[in-house]
PDB file of N, CA and C in Angstrom:
ATOM      1  N   MET A   1     -26.301  30.477 -37.986  1.00  0.00           N
ATOM      2  CA  MET A   1     -25.699  30.735 -36.667  1.00  0.00           C
ATOM      3  C   MET A   1     -26.259  29.810 -35.618  1.00  0.00           C
ATOM      4  N   LYS A   2     -27.588  29.713 -35.622  1.00  0.00           N
ATOM      5  CA  LYS A   2     -28.278  28.851 -34.647  1.00  0.00           C
ATOM      6  C   LYS A   2     -27.842  27.397 -34.842  1.00  0.00           C
ATOM      7  N   THR A   3     -27.642  26.973 -36.066  1.00  0.00           N
ATOM      8  CA  THR A   3     -27.371  25.588 -36.335  1.00  0.00           C
ATOM      9  C   THR A   3     -25.949  25.324 -35.863  1.00  0.00           C
ATOM     10  N   SER A   4     -25.031  26.279 -36.081  1.00  0.00           N
ATOM     11  CA  SER A   4     -23.649  26.072 -35.679  1.00  0.00           C
ATOM     12  C   SER A   4     -23.605  25.956 -34.097  1.00  0.00           C
ATOM     13  N   ARG A   5     -24.318  26.752 -33.374  1.00  0.00           N
ATOM     14  CA  ARG A   5     -24.305  26.681 -31.974  1.00  0.00           C
ATOM     15  C   ARG A   5     -24.870  25.366 -31.445  1.00  0.00           C
ATOM     16  N   LYS A   6     -25.950  24.963 -32.118  1.00  0.00           N
ATOM     17  CA  LYS A   6     -26.620  23.624 -31.801  1.00  0.00           C
ATOM     18  C   LYS A   6     -25.676  22.543 -32.019  1.00  0.00           C
ATOM     19  N   LEU A   7     -24.946  22.486 -33.097  1.00  0.00           N
ATOM     20  CA  LEU A   7     -23.953  21.376 -33.424  1.00  0.00           C
ATOM     21  C   LEU A   7     -22.856  21.469 -32.325  1.00  0.00           C
ATOM     22  N   LEU A   8     -22.370  22.674 -32.000  1.00  0.00           N
ATOM     23  CA  LEU A   8     -21.316  22.819 -30.987  1.00  0.00           C
ATOM     24  C   LEU A   8     -21.716  22.256 -29.643  1.00  0.00           C
ATOM     25  N   LEU A   9     -22.972  22.624 -29.220  1.00  0.00           N
ATOM     26  CA  LEU A   9     -23.519  22.115 -27.972  1.00  0.00           C
ATOM     27  C   LEU A   9     -23.702  20.564 -27.979  1.00  0.00           C
ATOM     28  N   GLN A  10     -24.170  20.025 -29.092  1.00  0.00           N
ATOM     29  CA  GLN A  10     -24.354  18.617 -29.250  1.00  0.00           C
ATOM     30  C   GLN A  10     -22.955  17.925 -29.195  1.00  0.00           C
ATOM     31  N   GLY A  11     -21.980  18.467 -29.860  1.00  0.00           N
ATOM     32  CA  GLY A  11     -20.639  17.951 -29.683  1.00  0.00           C
ATOM     33  C   GLY A  11     -20.011  17.874 -28.282  1.00  0.00           C
ATOM     34  N   ALA A  12     -20.246  19.071 -27.609  1.00  0.00           N
ATOM     35  CA  ALA A  12     -19.756  19.146 -26.229  1.00  0.00           C
ATOM     36  C   ALA A  12     -20.441  18.153 -25.305  1.00  0.00           C
ATOM     37  N   LEU A  13     -21.757  17.927 -25.580  1.00  0.00           N
ATOM     38  CA  LEU A  13     -22.563  17.080 -24.712  1.00  0.00           C
ATOM     39  C   LEU A  13     -22.060  15.551 -25.006  1.00  0.00           C
ATOM     40  N   ALA A  14     -21.802  15.228 -26.269  1.00  0.00           N
ATOM     41  CA  ALA A  14     -21.331  13.984 -26.615  1.00  0.00           C
ATOM     42  C   ALA A  14     -19.985  13.683 -26.014  1.00  0.00           C
ATOM     43  N   ALA A  15     -19.127  14.673 -25.982  1.00  0.00           N
ATOM     44  CA  ALA A  15     -17.784  14.504 -25.376  1.00  0.00           C
ATOM     45  C   ALA A  15     -17.876  14.294 -23.905  1.00  0.00           C
ATOM     46  N   LEU A  16     -18.724  15.008 -23.233  1.00  0.00           N
ATOM     47  CA  LEU A  16     -18.985  14.834 -21.780  1.00  0.00           C
ATOM     48  C   LEU A  16     -19.576  13.459 -21.416  1.00  0.00           C
ATOM     49  N   LEU A  17     -20.429  13.081 -22.202  1.00  0.00           N
ATOM     50  CA  LEU A  17     -21.052  11.758 -22.032  1.00  0.00           C
ATOM     51  C   LEU A  17     -20.002  10.607 -22.218  1.00  0.00           C
ATOM     52  N   GLY A  18     -19.192  10.798 -23.195  1.00  0.00           N
ATOM     53  CA  GLY A  18     -18.146   9.862 -23.545  1.00  0.00           C
ATOM     54  C   GLY A  18     -17.106   9.753 -22.364  1.00  0.00           C
ATOM     55  N   ALA A  19     -16.692  10.876 -21.904  1.00  0.00           N
ATOM     56  CA  ALA A  19     -15.800  10.988 -20.801  1.00  0.00           C
ATOM     57  C   ALA A  19     -16.369  10.405 -19.511  1.00  0.00           C
ATOM     58  N   GLY A  20     -17.666  10.613 -19.242  1.00  0.00           N
ATOM     59  CA  GLY A  20     -18.371  10.004 -18.126  1.00  0.00           C
ATOM     60  C   GLY A  20     -18.344   8.540 -18.181  1.00  0.00           C
ATOM     61  N   ALA A  21     -18.610   8.078 -19.365  1.00  0.00           N
ATOM     62  CA  ALA A  21     -18.632   6.535 -19.523  1.00  0.00           C
ATOM     63  C   ALA A  21     -17.299   5.902 -19.237  1.00  0.00           C
ATOM     64  N   VAL A  22     -16.216   6.629 -19.757  1.00  0.00           N
ATOM     65  CA  VAL A  22     -14.878   6.094 -19.467  1.00  0.00           C
ATOM     66  C   VAL A  22     -14.585   6.046 -17.964  1.00  0.00           C
ATOM     67  N   ILE A  23     -14.924   7.195 -17.274  1.00  0.00           N
ATOM     68  CA  ILE A  23     -14.674   7.244 -15.901  1.00  0.00           C
ATOM     69  C   ILE A  23     -15.455   6.276 -15.133  1.00  0.00           C
ATOM     70  N   ALA A  24     -16.752   6.071 -15.437  1.00  0.00           N
ATOM     71  CA  ALA A  24     -17.592   5.105 -14.738  1.00  0.00           C
ATOM     72  C   ALA A  24     -17.147   3.642 -15.005  1.00  0.00           C
ATOM     73  N   SER A  25     -16.572   3.353 -16.139  1.00  0.00           N
ATOM     74  CA  SER A  25     -16.138   1.985 -16.408  1.00  0.00           C
ATOM     75  C   SER A  25     -14.741   1.646 -15.807  1.00  0.00           C
ATOM     76  N   ALA A  26     -14.068   2.663 -15.373  1.00  0.00           N
ATOM     77  CA  ALA A  26     -12.686   2.478 -14.815  1.00  0.00           C
ATOM     78  C   ALA A  26     -12.860   2.189 -13.321  1.00  0.00           C
ATOM     79  N   GLY A  27     -13.029   0.924 -12.910  1.00  0.00           N
ATOM     80  CA  GLY A  27     -13.165   0.547 -11.559  1.00  0.00           C
ATOM     81  C   GLY A  27     -11.875   0.663 -10.749  1.00  0.00           C
ATOM     82  N   SER A  28     -11.971   0.704  -9.539  1.00  0.00           N
ATOM     83  CA  SER A  28     -10.725   0.888  -8.746  1.00  0.00           C
ATOM     84  C   SER A  28     -10.125  -0.556  -8.697  1.00  0.00           C
ATOM     85  N   ALA A  29      -8.747  -0.598  -8.907  1.00  0.00           N
ATOM     86  CA  ALA A  29      -8.042  -1.889  -8.862  1.00  0.00           C
ATOM     87  C   ALA A  29      -7.738  -2.167  -7.425  1.00  0.00           C
ATOM     88  N   SER A  30      -8.145  -3.358  -6.935  1.00  0.00           N
ATOM     89  CA  SER A  30      -7.867  -3.677  -5.547  1.00  0.00           C
ATOM     90  C   SER A  30      -6.490  -4.469  -5.536  1.00  0.00           C
ATOM     91  N   ALA A  31      -5.580  -4.099  -4.711  1.00  0.00           N
ATOM     92  CA  ALA A  31      -4.349  -4.746  -4.603  1.00  0.00           C
ATOM     93  C   ALA A  31      -3.980  -4.735  -3.129  1.00  0.00           C
ATOM     94  N   TYR A  32      -3.073  -5.576  -2.723  1.00  0.00           N
ATOM     95  CA  TYR A  32      -2.705  -5.730  -1.301  1.00  0.00           C
ATOM     96  C   TYR A  32      -1.188  -5.911  -1.229  1.00  0.00           C
ATOM     97  N   ILE A  33      -0.661  -5.551  -0.091  1.00  0.00           N
ATOM     98  CA  ILE A  33       0.761  -5.728   0.214  1.00  0.00           C
ATOM     99  C   ILE A  33       0.769  -6.761   1.373  1.00  0.00           C
ATOM    100  N   VAL A  34       1.511  -7.882   1.147  1.00  0.00           N
ATOM    101  CA  VAL A  34       1.488  -8.910   2.119  1.00  0.00           C
ATOM    102  C   VAL A  34       2.833  -9.133   2.638  1.00  0.00           C
ATOM    103  N   CYS A  35       2.970  -9.299   3.958  1.00  0.00           N
ATOM    104  CA  CYS A  35       4.329  -9.440   4.550  1.00  0.00           C
ATOM    105  C   CYS A  35       4.250 -10.639   5.516  1.00  0.00           C
ATOM    106  N   ASN A  36       5.393 -11.276   5.608  1.00  0.00           N
ATOM    107  CA  ASN A  36       5.510 -12.367   6.594  1.00  0.00           C
ATOM    108  C   ASN A  36       6.317 -11.786   7.800  1.00  0.00           C
ATOM    109  N   ARG A  37       6.374 -12.647   8.841  1.00  0.00           N
ATOM    110  CA  ARG A  37       7.096 -12.138  10.101  1.00  0.00           C
ATOM    111  C   ARG A  37       8.573 -11.991   9.937  1.00  0.00           C
ATOM    112  N   ASP A  38       9.137 -12.492   8.890  1.00  0.00           N
ATOM    113  CA  ASP A  38      10.548 -12.221   8.587  1.00  0.00           C
ATOM    114  C   ASP A  38      10.801 -10.908   7.819  1.00  0.00           C
ATOM    115  N   GLY A  39       9.810 -10.238   7.433  1.00  0.00           N
ATOM    116  CA  GLY A  39       9.925  -8.894   6.691  1.00  0.00           C
ATOM    117  C   GLY A  39       9.899  -9.042   5.213  1.00  0.00           C
ATOM    118  N   ASP A  40       9.637 -10.219   4.701  1.00  0.00           N
ATOM    119  CA  ASP A  40       9.481 -10.399   3.238  1.00  0.00           C
ATOM    120  C   ASP A  40       8.118  -9.950   2.807  1.00  0.00           C
ATOM    121  N   CYS A  41       8.031  -9.041   1.821  1.00  0.00           N
ATOM    122  CA  CYS A  41       6.796  -8.409   1.343  1.00  0.00           C
ATOM    123  C   CYS A  41       6.601  -8.569  -0.098  1.00  0.00           C
ATOM    124  N   TRP A  42       5.370  -8.715  -0.589  1.00  0.00           N
ATOM    125  CA  TRP A  42       5.034  -8.896  -1.942  1.00  0.00           C
ATOM    126  C   TRP A  42       3.686  -8.288  -2.261  1.00  0.00           C
ATOM    127  N   HIS A  43       3.354  -8.097  -3.545  1.00  0.00           N
ATOM    128  CA  HIS A  43       2.037  -7.634  -3.866  1.00  0.00           C
ATOM    129  C   HIS A  43       1.179  -8.724  -4.342  1.00  0.00           C
ATOM    130  N   THR A  44      -0.163  -8.660  -4.082  1.00  0.00           N
ATOM    131  CA  THR A  44      -1.065  -9.550  -4.595  1.00  0.00           C
ATOM    132  C   THR A  44      -2.379  -8.862  -4.969  1.00  0.00           C
ATOM    133  N   HIS A  45      -3.073  -9.311  -5.939  1.00  0.00           N
ATOM    134  CA  HIS A  45      -4.331  -8.682  -6.368  1.00  0.00           C
ATOM    135  C   HIS A  45      -5.553  -9.350  -5.796  1.00  0.00           C
ATOM    136  N   ASN A  46      -5.378 -10.463  -5.073  1.00  0.00           N
ATOM    137  CA  ASN A  46      -6.400 -11.199  -4.449  1.00  0.00           C
ATOM    138  C   ASN A  46      -6.080 -11.303  -2.991  1.00  0.00           C
ATOM    139  N   ARG A  47      -7.234 -11.287  -2.198  1.00  0.00           N
ATOM    140  CA  ARG A  47      -6.956 -11.378  -0.731  1.00  0.00           C
ATOM    141  C   ARG A  47      -7.095 -12.892  -0.402  1.00  0.00           C
ATOM    142  N   HIS A  48      -6.015 -13.617  -0.379  1.00  0.00           N
ATOM    143  CA  HIS A  48      -5.937 -15.011  -0.084  1.00  0.00           C
ATOM    144  C   HIS A  48      -6.102 -15.314   1.384  1.00  0.00           C
ATOM    145  N   HIS A  49      -6.627 -16.419   1.737  1.00  0.00           N
ATOM    146  CA  HIS A  49      -6.706 -16.820   3.200  1.00  0.00           C
ATOM    147  C   HIS A  49      -5.317 -17.457   3.610  1.00  0.00           C
ATOM    148  N   TYR A  50      -4.587 -16.700   4.455  1.00  0.00           N
ATOM    149  CA  TYR A  50      -3.300 -17.273   4.910  1.00  0.00           C
ATOM    150  C   TYR A  50      -3.546 -17.766   6.297  1.00  0.00           C
ATOM    151  N   ARG A  51      -3.031 -18.931   6.607  1.00  0.00           N
ATOM    152  CA  ARG A  51      -3.063 -19.553   7.961  1.00  0.00           C
ATOM    153  C   ARG A  51      -2.471 -18.659   8.930  1.00  0.00           C
ATOM    154  N   PHE A  52      -2.972 -18.503  10.167  1.00  0.00           N
ATOM    155  CA  PHE A  52      -2.390 -17.693  11.202  1.00  0.00           C
ATOM    156  C   PHE A  52      -0.952 -18.167  11.545  1.00  0.00           C
ATOM    157  N   ALA A  53      -0.714 -19.479  11.558  1.00  0.00           N
ATOM    158  CA  ALA A  53       0.599 -20.045  11.957  1.00  0.00           C
ATOM    159  C   ALA A  53       1.698 -19.547  10.965  1.00  0.00           C
ATOM    160  N   TRP A  54       1.346 -19.131   9.744  1.00  0.00           N
ATOM    161  CA  TRP A  54       2.399 -18.722   8.672  1.00  0.00           C
ATOM    162  C   TRP A  54       2.846 -17.313   9.079  1.00  0.00           C
ATOM    163  N   GLY A  55       2.244 -16.604   9.946  1.00  0.00           N
ATOM    164  CA  GLY A  55       2.733 -15.263  10.311  1.00  0.00           C
ATOM    165  C   GLY A  55       2.634 -14.264   9.214  1.00  0.00           C
ATOM    166  N   ILE A  56       1.534 -14.321   8.448  1.00  0.00           N
ATOM    167  CA  ILE A  56       1.307 -13.371   7.322  1.00  0.00           C
ATOM    168  C   ILE A  56       0.450 -12.241   7.737  1.00  0.00           C
ATOM    169  N   THR A  57       0.715 -11.058   7.320  1.00  0.00           N
ATOM    170  CA  THR A  57      -0.082  -9.898   7.444  1.00  0.00           C
ATOM    171  C   THR A  57      -0.396  -9.248   6.106  1.00  0.00           C
ATOM    172  N   VAL A  58      -1.694  -9.004   5.914  1.00  0.00           N
ATOM    173  CA  VAL A  58      -2.130  -8.415   4.720  1.00  0.00           C
ATOM    174  C   VAL A  58      -2.404  -6.906   4.971  1.00  0.00           C
ATOM    175  N   HIS A  59      -1.838  -6.008   4.080  1.00  0.00           N
ATOM    176  CA  HIS A  59      -2.024  -4.606   4.243  1.00  0.00           C
ATOM    177  C   HIS A  59      -2.733  -4.085   2.978  1.00  0.00           C
ATOM    178  N   PRO A  60      -3.353  -2.914   3.066  1.00  0.00           N
ATOM    179  CA  PRO A  60      -3.851  -2.260   1.882  1.00  0.00           C
ATOM    180  C   PRO A  60      -2.753  -1.764   1.012  1.00  0.00           C
ATOM    181  N   ASP A  61      -3.068  -1.522  -0.279  1.00  0.00           N
ATOM    182  CA  ASP A  61      -1.945  -1.194  -1.239  1.00  0.00           C
ATOM    183  C   ASP A  61      -1.319   0.095  -0.907  1.00  0.00           C
ATOM    184  N   HIS A  62      -1.870   1.029  -0.161  1.00  0.00           N
ATOM    185  CA  HIS A  62      -1.309   2.274   0.201  1.00  0.00           C
ATOM    186  C   HIS A  62      -0.428   2.260   1.469  1.00  0.00           C
ATOM    187  N   TRP A  63      -0.336   0.993   2.013  1.00  0.00           N
ATOM    188  CA  TRP A  63       0.467   0.811   3.313  1.00  0.00           C
ATOM    189  C   TRP A  63       1.899   1.042   2.959  1.00  0.00           C
ATOM    190  N   ARG A  64       2.679   1.725   3.829  1.00  0.00           N
ATOM    191  CA  ARG A  64       4.084   1.916   3.754  1.00  0.00           C
ATOM    192  C   ARG A  64       4.796   1.470   4.981  1.00  0.00           C
ATOM    193  N   TRP A  65       5.941   0.836   4.797  1.00  0.00           N
ATOM    194  CA  TRP A  65       6.634   0.359   6.003  1.00  0.00           C
ATOM    195  C   TRP A  65       7.522   1.401   6.571  1.00  0.00           C
ATOM    196  N   ARG A  66       7.807   1.237   7.781  1.00  0.00           N
ATOM    197  CA  ARG A  66       8.740   2.124   8.539  1.00  0.00           C
ATOM    198  C   ARG A  66      10.022   1.287   8.823  1.00  0.00           C
ATOM    199  N   GLY A  67      11.226   1.928   8.782  1.00  0.00           N
ATOM    200  CA  GLY A  67      12.372   1.218   9.174  1.00  0.00           C
ATOM    201  C   GLY A  67      12.917   0.278   8.047  1.00  0.00           C
ATOM    202  N   ASP A  68      13.921  -0.470   8.379  1.00  0.00           N
ATOM    203  CA  ASP A  68      14.612  -1.337   7.360  1.00  0.00           C
ATOM    204  C   ASP A  68      14.290  -2.784   7.574  1.00  0.00           C
ATOM    205  N   HIS A  69      13.323  -3.195   8.272  1.00  0.00           N
ATOM    206  CA  HIS A  69      12.991  -4.612   8.635  1.00  0.00           C
ATOM    207  C   HIS A  69      12.478  -5.269   7.353  1.00  0.00           C
ATOM    208  N   TYR A  70      11.951  -4.583   6.402  1.00  0.00           N
ATOM    209  CA  TYR A  70      11.227  -5.181   5.245  1.00  0.00           C
ATOM    210  C   TYR A  70      11.942  -5.251   4.009  1.00  0.00           C
ATOM    211  N   ARG A  71      11.740  -6.332   3.203  1.00  0.00           N
ATOM    212  CA  ARG A  71      12.374  -6.479   1.874  1.00  0.00           C
ATOM    213  C   ARG A  71      11.345  -6.821   0.791  1.00  0.00           C
ATOM    214  N   TRP A  72      11.389  -6.406  -0.339  1.00  0.00           N
ATOM    215  CA  TRP A  72      10.468  -6.689  -1.409  1.00  0.00           C
ATOM    216  C   TRP A  72      10.891  -8.015  -2.097  1.00  0.00           C
ATOM    217  N   HIS A  73       9.880  -8.862  -2.318  1.00  0.00           N
ATOM    218  CA  HIS A  73      10.109 -10.092  -3.064  1.00  0.00           C
ATOM    219  C   HIS A  73       8.861 -10.284  -3.931  1.00  0.00           C
ATOM    220  N   GLU A  74       8.873 -10.197  -5.143  1.00  0.00           N
ATOM    221  CA  GLU A  74       7.726 -10.332  -5.971  1.00  0.00           C
ATOM    222  C   GLU A  74       7.754 -11.801  -6.619  1.00  0.00           C
ATOM    223  N   HIS A  75       6.538 -12.304  -6.764  1.00  0.00           N
ATOM    224  CA  HIS A  75       6.364 -13.629  -7.366  1.00  0.00           C
ATOM    225  C   HIS A  75       4.981 -13.774  -7.949  1.00  0.00           C
ATOM    226  N   ALA A  76       4.809 -14.401  -9.119  1.00  0.00           N
ATOM    227  CA  ALA A  76       3.461 -14.508  -9.701  1.00  0.00           C
ATOM    228  C   ALA A  76       2.833 -15.798  -9.060  1.00  0.00           C
ATOM    229  N   GLY A  77       1.579 -15.844  -9.015  1.00  0.00           N
ATOM    230  CA  GLY A  77       0.832 -16.992  -8.502  1.00  0.00           C
ATOM    231  C   GLY A  77       0.480 -16.895  -7.068  1.00  0.00           C
ATOM    232  N   ARG A  78      -0.227 -17.974  -6.612  1.00  0.00           N
ATOM    233  CA  ARG A  78      -0.694 -17.948  -5.246  1.00  0.00           C
ATOM    234  C   ARG A  78       0.398 -18.645  -4.331  1.00  0.00           C
ATOM    235  N   GLY A  79       0.591 -17.964  -3.296  1.00  0.00           N
ATOM    236  CA  GLY A  79       1.610 -18.603  -2.301  1.00  0.00           C
ATOM    237  C   GLY A  79       2.063 -17.498  -1.317  1.00  0.00           C
ATOM    238  N   TYR A  80       3.214 -17.865  -0.618  1.00  0.00           N
ATOM    239  CA  TYR A  80       3.821 -16.936   0.280  1.00  0.00           C
ATOM    240  C   TYR A  80       5.303 -17.204   0.459  1.00  0.00           C
ATOM    241  N   TRP A  81       6.006 -16.251   0.914  1.00  0.00           N
ATOM    242  CA  TRP A  81       7.422 -16.404   1.202  1.00  0.00           C
ATOM    243  C   TRP A  81       7.624 -16.968   2.520  1.00  0.00           C
ATOM    244  N   ARG A  82       8.553 -17.960   2.751  1.00  0.00           N
ATOM    245  CA  ARG A  82       8.925 -18.487   4.017  1.00  0.00           C
ATOM    246  C   ARG A  82      10.455 -18.764   3.949  1.00  0.00           C
ATOM    247  N   SER A  83      11.153 -18.097   4.771  1.00  0.00           N
ATOM    248  CA  SER A  83      12.619 -18.279   4.933  1.00  0.00           C
ATOM    249  C   SER A  83      13.382 -18.032   3.495  1.00  0.00           C
ATOM    250  N   GLY A  84      12.822 -17.101   2.716  1.00  0.00           N
ATOM    251  CA  GLY A  84      13.446 -16.819   1.403  1.00  0.00           C
ATOM    252  C   GLY A  84      12.975 -17.730   0.288  1.00  0.00           C
ATOM    253  N   VAL A  85      12.057 -18.595   0.541  1.00  0.00           N
ATOM    254  CA  VAL A  85      11.567 -19.583  -0.549  1.00  0.00           C
ATOM    255  C   VAL A  85      10.128 -19.274  -0.678  1.00  0.00           C
ATOM    256  N   TRP A  86       9.726 -19.289  -2.030  1.00  0.00           N
ATOM    257  CA  TRP A  86       8.292 -19.158  -2.351  1.00  0.00           C
ATOM    258  C   TRP A  86       7.606 -20.400  -2.215  1.00  0.00           C
ATOM    259  N   ILE A  87       6.543 -20.436  -1.361  1.00  0.00           N
ATOM    260  CA  ILE A  87       5.726 -21.718  -1.157  1.00  0.00           C
ATOM    261  C   ILE A  87       4.407 -21.493  -1.901  1.00  0.00           C
ATOM    262  N   THR A  88       4.159 -22.389  -2.821  1.00  0.00           N
ATOM    263  CA  THR A  88       2.925 -22.248  -3.662  1.00  0.00           C
ATOM    264  C   THR A  88       1.849 -22.973  -2.925  1.00  0.00           C
ATOM    265  N   PHE A  89       0.645 -22.444  -2.924  1.00  0.00           N
ATOM    266  CA  PHE A  89      -0.518 -23.209  -2.491  1.00  0.00           C
ATOM    267  C   PHE A  89      -1.698 -23.053  -3.438  1.00  0.00           C
TER     268      PHE A  89
END
């Protein structure tokens, strides 16, 4: 009886340690929503340096727009939307 309880406790402890390791290794993914002055918005995982003249605003991933001024445009790679065209940099 004592051995069974000891094995059960060891198993529970191992499960807790394993779950803790998984939780600790799962870092928070940083993402951003980027919009230009025309209302074109897209996601990026890196905070690029956009020139002020481009009229780009970087928002945190939980940002939500209000109204109908904005439109989603997704594109892979580094760049930004200008007048409906993806400009790579």
